Amino acid sequence: MQRSVQAGRKGLTEDKYDDLLHFADSPKFTEREKVALTLGQQRWIKTLGIGHHEVLADTSVGLAPSVEARGGT
């Protein structure tokens, strides 16, 4: 099953999608590409205004706490 008809037309296969979901462990991405994916994700999360533990609250994943929440400046 293809997740998106448009993505399928542009060559995105389920294998490529799985590689992207697990990019941090994939040998198919360079360190530079992995950093770019991570920074892009963080920018998108901040753009949406999502704070630490607001999504997947029962896990330890998410944004680092803000400076104010840590009591720092």
N, C-alpha and C. Protein backbone atom coordinates (compact mmCIF):
# COMPACT_ATOMS: atom_id res chain seq x y z
N MET A 1 0.84 -1.19 0.00
CA MET A 1 0.00 0.00 0.00
C MET A 1 0.89 1.25 0.00
N GLN A 2 0.62 2.14 -0.89
CA GLN A 2 1.36 3.40 -0.97
C GLN A 2 0.68 4.43 -0.07
N ARG A 3 1.44 5.18 0.72
CA ARG A 3 0.88 6.16 1.64
C ARG A 3 0.28 7.37 0.93
N SER A 4 0.82 7.70 -0.22
CA SER A 4 0.35 8.86 -0.97
C SER A 4 0.51 8.59 -2.46
N VAL A 5 -0.55 8.81 -3.20
CA VAL A 5 -0.49 8.61 -4.65
C VAL A 5 0.53 9.56 -5.25
N GLN A 6 0.50 10.81 -4.83
CA GLN A 6 1.44 11.80 -5.36
C GLN A 6 2.89 11.41 -5.03
N ALA A 7 3.14 10.95 -3.81
CA ALA A 7 4.50 10.53 -3.45
C ALA A 7 4.92 9.33 -4.29
N GLY A 8 4.01 8.42 -4.52
CA GLY A 8 4.31 7.26 -5.36
C GLY A 8 4.68 7.65 -6.77
N ARG A 9 3.99 8.64 -7.29
CA ARG A 9 4.30 9.14 -8.64
C ARG A 9 5.69 9.76 -8.72
N LYS A 10 6.14 10.29 -7.58
CA LYS A 10 7.46 10.92 -7.54
C LYS A 10 8.55 9.95 -7.12
N GLY A 11 8.20 8.67 -6.97
CA GLY A 11 9.21 7.66 -6.71
C GLY A 11 9.38 7.23 -5.27
N LEU A 12 8.55 7.72 -4.36
CA LEU A 12 8.68 7.32 -2.96
C LEU A 12 8.05 5.94 -2.78
N THR A 13 8.86 4.98 -2.39
CA THR A 13 8.38 3.62 -2.14
C THR A 13 8.28 3.41 -0.63
N GLU A 14 7.63 2.35 -0.22
CA GLU A 14 7.54 2.04 1.20
C GLU A 14 8.92 1.81 1.80
N ASP A 15 9.82 1.19 1.04
CA ASP A 15 11.19 0.98 1.53
C ASP A 15 11.89 2.31 1.80
N LYS A 16 11.73 3.26 0.88
CA LYS A 16 12.35 4.57 1.06
C LYS A 16 11.72 5.30 2.24
N TYR A 17 10.41 5.15 2.40
CA TYR A 17 9.70 5.77 3.52
C TYR A 17 10.22 5.20 4.84
N ASP A 18 10.39 3.87 4.91
CA ASP A 18 10.92 3.24 6.12
C ASP A 18 12.34 3.72 6.41
N ASP A 19 13.16 3.86 5.38
CA ASP A 19 14.51 4.39 5.57
C ASP A 19 14.46 5.78 6.19
N LEU A 20 13.54 6.59 5.73
CA LEU A 20 13.41 7.95 6.24
C LEU A 20 12.95 7.95 7.70
N LEU A 21 12.00 7.08 8.03
CA LEU A 21 11.52 7.01 9.41
C LEU A 21 12.62 6.59 10.38
N HIS A 22 13.55 5.80 9.90
CA HIS A 22 14.63 5.29 10.74
C HIS A 22 15.99 5.83 10.28
N PHE A 23 15.99 7.09 9.87
CA PHE A 23 17.18 7.70 9.27
C PHE A 23 18.39 7.68 10.20
N ALA A 24 18.18 7.82 11.49
CA ALA A 24 19.30 7.91 12.43
C ALA A 24 20.15 6.64 12.44
N ASP A 25 19.52 5.51 12.17
CA ASP A 25 20.24 4.24 12.18
C ASP A 25 20.56 3.73 10.78
N SER A 26 20.14 4.46 9.76
CA SER A 26 20.30 4.00 8.39
C SER A 26 21.67 4.36 7.82
N PRO A 27 22.33 3.38 7.20
CA PRO A 27 23.60 3.69 6.54
C PRO A 27 23.40 4.42 5.21
N LYS A 28 22.16 4.60 4.80
CA LYS A 28 21.87 5.26 3.53
C LYS A 28 21.98 6.78 3.60
N PHE A 29 22.11 7.31 4.82
CA PHE A 29 22.22 8.76 5.01
C PHE A 29 23.58 9.10 5.59
N THR A 30 24.16 10.18 5.11
CA THR A 30 25.43 10.66 5.67
C THR A 30 25.16 11.35 7.00
N GLU A 31 26.22 11.58 7.77
CA GLU A 31 26.05 12.30 9.04
C GLU A 31 25.45 13.69 8.79
N ARG A 32 25.89 14.33 7.72
CA ARG A 32 25.38 15.66 7.38
C ARG A 32 23.87 15.62 7.08
N GLU A 33 23.43 14.60 6.36
CA GLU A 33 22.00 14.45 6.06
C GLU A 33 21.21 14.17 7.33
N LYS A 34 21.76 13.36 8.22
CA LYS A 34 21.08 13.05 9.48
C LYS A 34 20.91 14.31 10.32
N VAL A 35 21.94 15.14 10.37
CA VAL A 35 21.86 16.40 11.12
C VAL A 35 20.81 17.32 10.49
N ALA A 36 20.81 17.39 9.17
CA ALA A 36 19.84 18.25 8.48
C ALA A 36 18.42 17.79 8.77
N LEU A 37 18.14 16.45 8.75
CA LEU A 37 16.80 15.94 9.06
C LEU A 37 16.40 16.30 10.48
N THR A 38 17.38 16.16 11.43
CA THR A 38 17.09 16.43 12.84
C THR A 38 16.79 17.91 13.05
N LEU A 39 17.62 18.79 12.48
CA LEU A 39 17.38 20.23 12.63
C LEU A 39 16.06 20.64 11.99
N GLY A 40 15.74 20.06 10.86
CA GLY A 40 14.46 20.34 10.21
C GLY A 40 13.28 19.93 11.06
N GLN A 41 13.39 18.77 11.70
CA GLN A 41 12.31 18.30 12.58
C GLN A 41 12.14 19.25 13.76
N GLN A 42 13.25 19.64 14.36
CA GLN A 42 13.18 20.54 15.51
C GLN A 42 12.57 21.89 15.13
N ARG A 43 12.95 22.40 13.96
CA ARG A 43 12.39 23.68 13.50
C ARG A 43 10.88 23.56 13.30
N TRP A 44 10.46 22.45 12.69
CA TRP A 44 9.03 22.24 12.44
C TRP A 44 8.25 22.15 13.75
N ILE A 45 8.79 21.43 14.73
CA ILE A 45 8.13 21.29 16.03
C ILE A 45 8.01 22.66 16.70
N LYS A 46 9.08 23.45 16.66
CA LYS A 46 9.01 24.80 17.25
C LYS A 46 8.04 25.69 16.49
N THR A 47 7.98 25.55 15.17
CA THR A 47 7.04 26.33 14.37
C THR A 47 5.61 26.05 14.78
N LEU A 48 5.32 24.79 15.11
CA LEU A 48 3.99 24.40 15.54
C LEU A 48 3.69 24.81 16.97
N GLY A 49 4.73 25.23 17.70
CA GLY A 49 4.54 25.66 19.08
C GLY A 49 4.36 24.50 20.04
N ILE A 50 4.89 23.33 19.70
CA ILE A 50 4.76 22.16 20.56
C ILE A 50 5.88 22.19 21.59
N GLY A 51 5.51 22.06 22.85
CA GLY A 51 6.49 22.08 23.92
C GLY A 51 6.90 20.68 24.34
N HIS A 52 7.83 20.64 25.28
CA HIS A 52 8.38 19.39 25.80
C HIS A 52 7.28 18.53 26.40
N HIS A 53 7.18 17.29 25.98
CA HIS A 53 6.22 16.29 26.46
C HIS A 53 4.77 16.63 26.16
N GLU A 54 4.50 17.54 25.24
CA GLU A 54 3.12 17.81 24.83
C GLU A 54 2.61 16.77 23.84
N VAL A 55 3.53 16.11 23.16
CA VAL A 55 3.19 15.01 22.26
C VAL A 55 3.96 13.80 22.77
N LEU A 56 3.34 12.65 22.78
CA LEU A 56 3.96 11.43 23.31
C LEU A 56 4.36 11.64 24.77
N ALA A 57 3.43 12.14 25.56
CA ALA A 57 3.72 12.52 26.94
C ALA A 57 4.17 11.35 27.81
N ASP A 58 3.80 10.14 27.46
CA ASP A 58 4.19 8.98 28.26
C ASP A 58 5.56 8.43 27.89
N THR A 59 6.31 9.17 27.08
CA THR A 59 7.64 8.73 26.67
C THR A 59 8.66 9.76 27.08
N SER A 60 9.91 9.45 26.85
CA SER A 60 10.97 10.40 27.17
C SER A 60 11.43 11.18 25.94
N VAL A 61 10.68 11.09 24.83
CA VAL A 61 11.07 11.82 23.63
C VAL A 61 10.41 13.19 23.61
N GLY A 62 10.97 14.09 22.86
CA GLY A 62 10.38 15.42 22.72
C GLY A 62 11.46 16.48 22.78
N LEU A 63 11.02 17.69 22.82
CA LEU A 63 11.95 18.81 22.89
C LEU A 63 12.55 18.91 24.28
N ALA A 64 13.73 19.41 24.35
CA ALA A 64 14.34 19.68 25.66
C ALA A 64 13.53 20.76 26.35
N PRO A 65 13.46 20.72 27.67
CA PRO A 65 12.70 21.75 28.38
C PRO A 65 13.24 23.15 28.08
N SER A 66 12.38 24.12 28.09
CA SER A 66 12.80 25.49 27.83
C SER A 66 13.67 25.99 28.98
N VAL A 67 14.39 27.04 28.73
CA VAL A 67 15.25 27.63 29.75
C VAL A 67 14.43 28.04 30.95
N GLU A 68 13.26 28.63 30.73
CA GLU A 68 12.41 29.07 31.83
C GLU A 68 11.97 27.89 32.69
N ALA A 69 11.63 26.77 32.06
CA ALA A 69 11.17 25.59 32.80
C ALA A 69 12.29 25.00 33.65
N ARG A 70 13.56 25.21 33.24
CA ARG A 70 14.70 24.69 34.00
C ARG A 70 15.12 25.66 35.08
N GLY A 71 14.53 26.84 35.09
CA GLY A 71 14.89 27.82 36.10
C GLY A 71 16.12 28.63 35.76
N GLY A 72 16.55 28.56 34.49
CA GLY A 72 17.74 29.29 34.07
C GLY A 72 17.38 30.56 33.34
N THR A 73 18.39 31.21 32.82
CA THR A 73 18.14 32.42 32.03
C THR A 73 18.71 32.29 30.66
